[in-house]
N, C-alpha and C. Protein backbone atom coordinates (compact mmCIF):
# COMPACT_ATOMS: atom_id res chain seq x y z
N MET A 1 175.91 -38.72 227.13
CA MET A 1 175.04 -37.48 226.44
C MET A 1 174.21 -38.05 225.40
N THR A 2 174.23 -39.16 225.01
CA THR A 2 173.34 -39.69 224.12
C THR A 2 171.93 -39.89 224.84
N LYS A 3 172.11 -40.46 226.14
CA LYS A 3 171.34 -40.76 226.89
C LYS A 3 170.22 -39.61 226.94
N GLN A 4 170.48 -38.43 227.46
CA GLN A 4 170.30 -37.13 227.40
C GLN A 4 169.17 -36.71 226.43
N LYS A 5 170.20 -36.89 225.25
CA LYS A 5 169.74 -36.57 223.82
C LYS A 5 168.43 -37.43 223.41
N ASN A 6 168.51 -38.92 223.62
CA ASN A 6 167.43 -39.54 223.29
C ASN A 6 165.59 -39.06 224.47
N TYR A 7 166.30 -38.84 225.71
CA TYR A 7 165.51 -38.52 226.57
C TYR A 7 164.50 -37.44 225.95
N LEU A 8 165.59 -36.24 225.33
CA LEU A 8 165.40 -34.89 225.37
C LEU A 8 164.13 -35.19 223.75
N GLN A 9 164.94 -35.70 223.13
CA GLN A 9 164.16 -35.98 221.48
C GLN A 9 162.32 -36.84 222.05
N ALA A 10 162.59 -37.76 222.81
CA ALA A 10 161.21 -38.24 223.15
C ALA A 10 160.42 -37.47 223.34
N THR A 11 160.62 -36.45 224.80
CA THR A 11 159.78 -35.67 225.20
C THR A 11 158.89 -34.67 224.21
N THR A 12 160.14 -34.39 223.04
CA THR A 12 159.80 -33.21 222.43
C THR A 12 158.85 -33.64 221.33
N ASP A 13 159.21 -35.10 220.66
CA ASP A 13 158.01 -35.73 220.21
C ASP A 13 156.50 -36.20 220.97
N GLN A 14 156.92 -36.10 222.20
CA GLN A 14 155.65 -36.35 222.66
C GLN A 14 154.70 -35.21 222.51
N LEU A 15 155.40 -34.13 223.21
CA LEU A 15 154.76 -32.72 222.74
C LEU A 15 154.24 -32.24 221.47
N ASN A 16 155.10 -32.58 220.33
CA ASN A 16 154.64 -32.62 219.20
C ASN A 16 153.15 -33.18 218.64
N VAL A 17 153.73 -34.11 219.34
CA VAL A 17 151.94 -35.40 218.89
C VAL A 17 150.81 -34.90 219.48
N ARG A 18 151.01 -34.35 220.61
CA ARG A 18 149.50 -33.49 221.17
C ARG A 18 149.41 -32.29 221.00
N GLN A 19 150.44 -31.36 220.46
CA GLN A 19 150.03 -30.29 219.99
C GLN A 19 149.10 -30.14 218.20
N LYS A 20 148.38 -29.28 217.97
CA LYS A 20 147.42 -29.42 217.02
C LYS A 20 148.44 -28.17 216.53
N PHE A 21 148.08 -27.95 215.25
CA PHE A 21 148.60 -26.62 214.40
C PHE A 21 147.15 -26.00 214.38
N TYR A 22 147.57 -24.77 214.77
CA TYR A 22 145.81 -23.90 214.73
C TYR A 22 146.59 -22.69 213.52
N THR A 23 148.11 -22.19 213.86
CA THR A 23 148.15 -21.12 213.38
C THR A 23 149.77 -21.10 213.32
N ARG A 24 150.40 -19.92 212.43
CA ARG A 24 151.91 -20.31 212.55
C ARG A 24 152.39 -19.14 214.04
N ASP A 25 151.32 -18.37 214.11
CA ASP A 25 151.66 -17.81 215.60
C ASP A 25 152.12 -18.69 216.56
N ILE A 26 152.96 -19.01 216.79
CA ILE A 26 153.78 -19.70 218.04
C ILE A 26 152.83 -19.47 219.62
N ILE A 27 152.68 -18.22 219.51
CA ILE A 27 152.24 -18.15 221.07
C ILE A 27 150.71 -18.04 220.91
N LEU A 28 149.85 -18.00 219.87
CA LEU A 28 148.59 -18.13 219.77
C LEU A 28 148.56 -19.63 219.70
N ASN A 29 149.21 -20.18 218.76
CA ASN A 29 149.22 -21.99 218.48
C ASN A 29 149.40 -22.85 220.24
N TYR A 30 150.20 -22.15 220.85
CA TYR A 30 150.55 -22.92 222.42
C TYR A 30 149.22 -22.30 223.08
N LEU A 31 148.55 -21.08 223.05
CA LEU A 31 147.49 -20.57 224.01
C LEU A 31 146.27 -21.45 223.52
N LEU A 32 146.53 -21.63 222.30
CA LEU A 32 144.88 -22.61 221.92
C LEU A 32 145.20 -23.74 222.14
N ASN A 33 146.30 -24.86 222.27
CA ASN A 33 146.44 -26.00 222.49
C ASN A 33 146.20 -26.36 224.06
N ASP A 34 146.72 -25.00 224.82
CA ASP A 34 146.55 -24.95 226.17
C ASP A 34 145.10 -25.20 226.69
N LYS A 35 144.27 -24.20 225.86
CA LYS A 35 142.95 -24.30 226.52
C LYS A 35 142.43 -25.20 225.68
N HIS A 36 142.51 -25.92 224.53
CA HIS A 36 142.15 -27.24 224.08
C HIS A 36 142.33 -28.27 225.29
N GLU A 37 143.22 -28.20 225.54
CA GLU A 37 143.73 -29.70 226.39
C GLU A 37 142.53 -29.55 228.11
N LEU A 38 142.74 -27.74 228.45
CA LEU A 38 141.97 -27.79 229.53
C LEU A 38 140.13 -28.12 229.13
N ALA A 39 139.81 -27.92 228.45
CA ALA A 39 138.26 -28.15 227.88
C ALA A 39 138.37 -29.82 227.90
N ASN A 40 139.09 -30.56 227.17
CA ASN A 40 139.13 -32.16 227.34
C ASN A 40 139.29 -32.60 228.74
N GLN A 41 140.16 -31.82 229.58
CA GLN A 41 139.89 -32.27 231.28
C GLN A 41 138.72 -32.04 231.71
N ALA A 42 138.23 -30.96 231.36
CA ALA A 42 136.80 -31.01 232.05
C ALA A 42 135.50 -31.04 231.07
N ASN A 43 135.97 -32.35 230.14
CA ASN A 43 135.19 -33.04 229.59
C ASN A 43 134.00 -31.65 228.85
N ILE A 44 134.77 -30.60 228.08
CA ILE A 44 133.78 -29.77 227.43
C ILE A 44 134.40 -30.09 225.70
N LYS A 45 133.08 -30.24 225.13
CA LYS A 45 133.63 -30.05 223.19
C LYS A 45 134.26 -28.43 222.92
N PHE A 46 135.28 -28.82 222.70
CA PHE A 46 135.85 -27.58 221.96
C PHE A 46 136.23 -27.59 220.27
N GLU A 47 135.63 -26.70 219.73
CA GLU A 47 135.97 -26.79 218.21
C GLU A 47 136.63 -25.35 218.16
N ILE A 48 137.80 -25.63 217.11
CA ILE A 48 138.46 -23.94 217.30
C ILE A 48 138.88 -24.28 215.62
N LYS A 49 138.32 -23.14 214.77
CA LYS A 49 139.11 -22.89 213.57
C LYS A 49 139.62 -21.30 213.34
N VAL A 50 140.92 -21.29 212.82
CA VAL A 50 141.49 -20.13 212.61
C VAL A 50 142.42 -20.07 210.97
N LEU A 51 141.78 -18.94 210.35
CA LEU A 51 142.59 -18.22 209.40
C LEU A 51 143.03 -17.40 209.12
N LEU A 52 143.99 -17.13 209.94
CA LEU A 52 145.16 -16.00 209.97
C LEU A 52 146.44 -16.09 209.27
N SER A 53 146.53 -15.19 208.87
CA SER A 53 148.29 -15.05 207.53
C SER A 53 148.76 -14.63 208.98
N GLU A 54 149.96 -14.80 208.29
CA GLU A 54 151.35 -14.25 209.17
C GLU A 54 151.84 -12.94 209.62
N GLN A 55 150.94 -12.19 208.43
CA GLN A 55 151.34 -10.54 208.30
C GLN A 55 150.05 -9.88 209.17
N ILE A 56 150.33 -9.63 210.31
CA ILE A 56 149.02 -9.16 210.81
C ILE A 56 149.59 -8.09 212.28
N ASN A 57 149.25 -6.92 212.05
CA ASN A 57 149.35 -5.81 213.00
C ASN A 57 149.15 -5.57 214.51
N VAL A 58 148.58 -6.90 215.15
CA VAL A 58 148.19 -6.68 216.48
C VAL A 58 149.38 -7.38 217.57
N ASP A 59 149.55 -6.78 218.23
CA ASP A 59 150.72 -7.39 219.10
C ASP A 59 150.31 -8.72 219.56
N LYS A 60 151.23 -9.82 219.43
CA LYS A 60 151.02 -10.88 219.64
C LYS A 60 150.39 -11.33 220.90
N ASP A 61 150.82 -10.41 221.90
CA ASP A 61 150.68 -10.80 223.47
C ASP A 61 149.30 -10.44 223.70
N ILE A 62 149.08 -8.89 223.07
CA ILE A 62 147.80 -8.73 223.29
C ILE A 62 146.41 -9.47 222.80
N LEU A 63 146.71 -10.03 221.79
CA LEU A 63 146.00 -10.73 220.90
C LEU A 63 145.76 -11.96 221.94
N ALA A 64 146.68 -12.35 222.03
CA ALA A 64 146.98 -13.95 223.53
C ALA A 64 145.54 -13.76 224.53
N VAL A 65 146.40 -12.22 225.19
CA VAL A 65 145.46 -12.14 226.32
C VAL A 65 143.79 -11.93 226.29
N LEU A 66 143.33 -11.15 224.83
CA LEU A 66 142.11 -11.17 224.30
C LEU A 66 141.60 -12.59 224.20
N ILE A 67 142.50 -13.29 223.57
CA ILE A 67 141.44 -14.99 223.09
C ILE A 67 141.41 -15.48 224.41
N GLY A 68 142.19 -15.20 225.00
CA GLY A 68 142.61 -16.20 226.25
C GLY A 68 141.75 -15.62 227.55
N ASN A 69 141.25 -14.69 227.45
CA ASN A 69 140.20 -14.13 228.42
C ASN A 69 139.01 -14.72 227.80
N LEU A 70 138.79 -14.36 226.67
CA LEU A 70 137.52 -15.00 226.04
C LEU A 70 137.54 -16.57 226.38
N ILE A 71 138.29 -17.22 226.17
CA ILE A 71 138.24 -18.60 225.69
C ILE A 71 138.06 -18.99 227.46
N ASP A 72 138.50 -18.59 228.52
CA ASP A 72 138.66 -18.42 229.88
C ASP A 72 137.12 -18.66 230.57
N ASN A 73 136.52 -16.98 230.29
CA ASN A 73 134.97 -17.04 229.93
C ASN A 73 134.19 -18.20 229.69
N ALA A 74 134.29 -18.78 228.97
CA ALA A 74 133.33 -19.69 228.35
C ALA A 74 133.71 -21.08 228.72
N LEU A 75 135.01 -21.64 229.25
CA LEU A 75 135.67 -22.80 229.98
C LEU A 75 134.61 -22.64 231.39
N GLU A 76 134.60 -21.17 232.24
CA GLU A 76 133.93 -21.30 233.48
C GLU A 76 132.74 -21.33 232.85
N ALA A 77 131.63 -21.30 232.13
CA ALA A 77 130.53 -21.01 232.44
C ALA A 77 130.15 -22.37 232.04
N SER A 78 130.90 -22.93 230.82
CA SER A 78 130.46 -24.23 230.51
C SER A 78 130.83 -25.00 231.72
N LYS A 79 131.65 -25.09 232.75
CA LYS A 79 131.86 -25.72 233.99
C LYS A 79 130.91 -25.61 234.96
N ARG A 80 129.96 -24.57 234.44
CA ARG A 80 128.98 -24.54 236.02
C ARG A 80 127.65 -24.68 235.47
N LEU A 81 127.64 -25.22 234.14
CA LEU A 81 126.17 -26.10 233.49
C LEU A 81 125.54 -27.11 234.29
N PRO A 82 124.75 -27.00 234.52
CA PRO A 82 123.65 -28.25 235.30
C PRO A 82 123.99 -29.84 234.63
N ASN A 83 123.95 -29.24 233.19
CA ASN A 83 124.16 -30.59 232.58
C ASN A 83 125.31 -30.67 231.58
N GLN A 84 125.95 -31.40 232.03
CA GLN A 84 127.49 -31.29 231.43
C GLN A 84 127.94 -31.61 229.94
N ASN A 85 126.20 -32.49 229.77
CA ASN A 85 125.95 -33.04 227.92
C ASN A 85 126.08 -31.51 227.26
N GLU A 86 125.86 -30.23 227.65
CA GLU A 86 125.95 -29.06 226.60
C GLU A 86 126.90 -28.31 226.96
N ALA A 87 128.17 -28.92 227.65
CA ALA A 87 129.32 -28.12 227.44
C ALA A 87 130.29 -28.30 226.29
N GLU A 88 129.86 -27.07 225.33
CA GLU A 88 130.49 -27.23 224.21
C GLU A 88 130.80 -25.59 223.80
N ILE A 89 131.82 -25.07 223.13
CA ILE A 89 132.64 -24.01 222.96
C ILE A 89 133.09 -24.11 221.53
N SER A 90 132.76 -23.11 221.06
CA SER A 90 133.33 -23.18 219.66
C SER A 90 133.65 -21.25 219.19
N LEU A 91 135.26 -21.49 218.81
CA LEU A 91 135.88 -20.45 218.42
C LEU A 91 136.40 -20.41 216.83
N VAL A 92 136.07 -19.11 216.68
CA VAL A 92 136.67 -18.96 215.10
C VAL A 92 137.41 -17.73 214.85
N ILE A 93 138.35 -17.77 214.45
CA ILE A 93 139.31 -16.72 214.26
C ILE A 93 139.81 -16.25 212.78
N LYS A 94 139.49 -15.35 212.58
CA LYS A 94 139.14 -15.24 210.89
C LYS A 94 139.79 -13.74 210.30
N GLN A 95 140.89 -13.94 210.01
CA GLN A 95 141.23 -12.33 209.05
C GLN A 95 140.75 -12.33 207.57
N PHE A 96 140.14 -11.20 207.47
CA PHE A 96 139.73 -11.07 206.15
C PHE A 96 140.06 -9.86 205.87
N GLU A 97 140.28 -9.17 204.70
CA GLU A 97 141.33 -8.38 204.20
C GLU A 97 141.81 -7.64 205.54
N ASP A 98 141.83 -6.28 206.01
CA ASP A 98 142.01 -5.62 207.38
C ASP A 98 141.35 -5.90 208.29
N LYS A 99 140.99 -6.80 208.28
CA LYS A 99 140.03 -7.06 209.41
C LYS A 99 140.28 -8.55 210.24
N LEU A 100 140.44 -8.36 211.89
CA LEU A 100 140.23 -9.68 212.27
C LEU A 100 138.96 -10.27 213.07
N LEU A 101 138.38 -11.04 212.94
CA LEU A 101 136.91 -11.40 213.24
C LEU A 101 137.60 -12.42 213.91
N ILE A 102 136.63 -12.23 215.71
CA ILE A 102 136.70 -13.53 216.46
C ILE A 102 135.35 -13.46 217.38
N ASP A 103 134.99 -14.74 216.92
CA ASP A 103 133.36 -15.56 217.35
C ASP A 103 133.72 -16.70 218.39
N ILE A 104 133.16 -16.39 219.60
CA ILE A 104 133.31 -17.14 220.36
C ILE A 104 131.36 -17.76 221.04
N LYS A 105 131.11 -18.65 221.22
CA LYS A 105 129.76 -19.19 221.67
C LYS A 105 130.08 -20.38 222.63
N ASN A 106 129.48 -20.20 223.87
CA ASN A 106 128.84 -21.67 224.31
C ASN A 106 127.86 -21.96 224.77
N HIS A 107 127.64 -22.55 225.33
CA HIS A 107 126.29 -22.74 226.26
C HIS A 107 126.58 -21.83 227.54
N TYR A 108 125.43 -21.76 228.20
CA TYR A 108 125.16 -21.35 229.59
C TYR A 108 124.15 -21.46 230.79
N ASN A 109 124.37 -21.61 231.57
CA ASN A 109 123.03 -21.28 232.61
C ASN A 109 122.07 -19.92 232.69
N PRO A 110 121.29 -20.17 232.37
CA PRO A 110 120.22 -18.85 231.97
C PRO A 110 119.64 -18.32 233.48
N GLY A 111 119.81 -19.11 234.29
CA GLY A 111 119.57 -19.18 235.92
C GLY A 111 120.24 -18.28 236.70
N GLU A 112 122.01 -18.23 235.54
CA GLU A 112 122.93 -17.47 236.48
C GLU A 112 122.58 -16.19 236.34
N VAL A 113 122.02 -15.50 235.55
CA VAL A 113 122.05 -14.19 235.39
C VAL A 113 122.16 -13.31 235.98
N VAL A 114 121.07 -13.50 237.14
CA VAL A 114 120.76 -12.55 238.21
C VAL A 114 122.38 -12.72 239.15
N THR A 115 122.55 -13.78 239.61
CA THR A 115 123.98 -13.85 240.52
C THR A 115 124.68 -13.53 239.98
N ARG A 116 124.93 -13.26 238.50
CA ARG A 116 126.08 -12.90 237.51
C ARG A 116 126.33 -11.61 237.94
N ARG A 117 124.97 -11.03 237.47
CA ARG A 117 124.75 -9.12 237.75
C ARG A 117 125.72 -8.96 239.04
N ARG A 118 125.26 -9.45 240.08
CA ARG A 118 125.60 -8.99 241.70
C ARG A 118 127.30 -9.44 241.37
N ARG A 119 127.95 -10.47 240.41
CA ARG A 119 129.15 -10.08 240.86
C ARG A 119 130.04 -9.85 239.47
N LYS A 120 129.37 -8.90 239.12
CA LYS A 120 129.69 -8.40 238.01
C LYS A 120 131.36 -7.20 237.94
N TYR A 121 131.81 -7.26 239.36
CA TYR A 121 132.75 -6.57 239.67
C TYR A 121 134.35 -7.09 239.53
N ASP A 122 133.83 -8.82 240.13
CA ASP A 122 134.68 -9.53 240.66
C ASP A 122 135.38 -10.06 239.19
N GLY A 123 135.53 -10.32 238.11
CA GLY A 123 136.24 -10.63 236.83
C GLY A 123 136.57 -9.61 236.26
N LEU A 124 138.01 -9.08 235.87
CA LEU A 124 138.02 -8.57 235.22
C LEU A 124 138.42 -8.71 233.55
N GLY A 125 138.44 -10.03 233.08
CA GLY A 125 138.07 -10.48 232.12
C GLY A 125 137.57 -9.81 230.98
N THR A 126 136.47 -9.52 231.11
CA THR A 126 135.08 -8.99 229.84
C THR A 126 135.70 -7.49 230.14
N SER A 127 136.10 -6.75 231.02
CA SER A 127 136.38 -5.21 231.08
C SER A 127 137.78 -5.14 230.26
N ASN A 128 138.87 -6.43 230.45
CA ASN A 128 139.95 -6.30 229.44
C ASN A 128 139.75 -6.63 228.31
N ILE A 129 138.90 -7.22 228.14
CA ILE A 129 138.56 -7.54 226.28
C ILE A 129 137.85 -6.19 225.62
N LYS A 130 137.27 -5.78 226.66
CA LYS A 130 136.61 -4.41 225.94
C LYS A 130 137.58 -3.33 225.75
N ARG A 131 138.27 -3.23 226.54
CA ARG A 131 139.49 -2.21 226.69
C ARG A 131 140.84 -2.46 225.36
N ILE A 132 140.84 -3.80 225.23
CA ILE A 132 141.98 -4.01 224.08
C ILE A 132 141.11 -3.67 223.04
N VAL A 133 139.58 -4.17 222.96
CA VAL A 133 138.91 -4.26 221.36
C VAL A 133 138.97 -2.39 221.17
N SER A 134 138.59 -1.32 222.59
CA SER A 134 138.60 -0.44 222.27
C SER A 134 139.89 0.18 221.60
N ASN A 135 140.87 -0.18 222.29
CA ASN A 135 142.56 0.39 221.85
C ASN A 135 142.75 -0.23 220.52
N TYR A 136 142.17 -1.17 219.94
CA TYR A 136 142.47 -1.19 218.57
C TYR A 136 141.35 -0.89 217.25
N ASN A 137 140.23 0.45 218.14
CA ASN A 137 139.14 0.63 217.25
C ASN A 137 138.49 -0.41 217.15
N GLY A 138 138.26 -1.39 217.60
CA GLY A 138 136.82 -2.57 216.99
C GLY A 138 135.89 -2.32 217.62
N LEU A 139 135.04 -3.51 217.34
CA LEU A 139 133.86 -3.62 217.69
C LEU A 139 133.58 -4.33 218.58
N TYR A 140 132.76 -4.35 219.71
CA TYR A 140 132.70 -5.83 220.42
C TYR A 140 130.92 -5.59 220.61
N LYS A 141 130.33 -7.16 220.71
CA LYS A 141 129.08 -7.32 220.80
C LYS A 141 128.94 -8.52 221.35
N GLN A 142 128.20 -8.49 222.42
CA GLN A 142 127.96 -10.09 222.93
C GLN A 142 126.01 -9.95 223.26
N TRP A 143 125.93 -11.37 222.99
CA TRP A 143 124.03 -11.46 223.21
C TRP A 143 124.17 -12.87 223.59
N THR A 144 122.88 -13.04 223.74
CA THR A 144 121.96 -14.42 224.27
C THR A 144 121.46 -14.92 223.41
N GLU A 145 121.34 -15.93 222.95
CA GLU A 145 119.87 -16.77 222.04
C GLU A 145 119.56 -18.13 223.10
N THR A 146 118.76 -18.32 223.44
CA THR A 146 118.37 -19.21 224.45
C THR A 146 119.30 -19.19 225.43
N ASN A 147 119.74 -20.62 225.40
CA ASN A 147 121.05 -20.81 226.36
C ASN A 147 122.28 -20.44 225.94
N VAL A 148 122.77 -19.95 224.88
CA VAL A 148 124.14 -19.70 224.09
C VAL A 148 124.33 -18.46 224.28
N TYR A 149 125.55 -18.27 224.77
CA TYR A 149 126.40 -16.69 225.04
C TYR A 149 127.33 -16.81 223.60
N LEU A 150 126.76 -15.73 223.71
CA LEU A 150 128.29 -15.55 222.16
C LEU A 150 128.70 -13.80 222.40
N VAL A 151 130.06 -13.83 221.66
CA VAL A 151 130.25 -12.89 221.76
C VAL A 151 131.56 -12.82 220.01
N SER A 152 131.24 -11.19 219.58
CA SER A 152 131.47 -11.39 218.45
C SER A 152 132.32 -10.03 218.26
N ILE A 153 133.72 -10.11 217.67
CA ILE A 153 134.68 -8.83 218.18
C ILE A 153 135.05 -8.59 216.73
N ILE A 154 134.94 -7.47 216.12
CA ILE A 154 136.01 -7.14 215.12
C ILE A 154 137.08 -6.25 215.16
N LEU A 155 138.21 -6.32 214.94
CA LEU A 155 139.29 -5.68 215.28
C LEU A 155 139.71 -4.89 213.59
N LEU A 156 140.01 -3.74 213.58
CA LEU A 156 139.89 -2.94 212.08
C LEU A 156 141.63 -2.42 212.10
N ASN A 157 141.95 -2.28 210.84
CA ASN A 157 142.96 -1.72 210.30
C ASN A 157 144.52 -2.68 210.70
N ILE A 158 144.28 -4.02 210.65
CA ILE A 158 145.14 -5.09 211.19
C ILE A 158 146.42 -5.74 210.30
N ASN A 159 146.37 -4.94 209.06
CA ASN A 159 147.47 -5.00 208.22
C ASN A 159 148.41 -3.87 208.08
């Protein structure tokens, strides 16, 4: 029995070493660590900043779907860049008063815009994001600056 305990302890210690603490929300923290690891494996720089209180009136699973879809979209766009040295994602999740701000930006290939328009019905990620934001009476904005794609979301009345 001691051998099994030692193995479990060693495995748990390895997991804890690799896990970075972003938030007390276990689901969101796991998701952010998982996506950060995927970015690392693809040689994509990924900066994550989270300022979130423990008391937030947003379903944790819904928040994970929202943030997961945003990150997945950014990862996919970053993987398609012709110059992988530009592959970089920045995510900020910040609570202020009764609002939740989620900002994500990543480089993208502007030459893809025409081909992406033809495939706009292929992915459900963006429509899921917009639906969730709408359900929380939030605001959704996406725009580009040169070769950077930005999404900003504000969810209201989250306390």
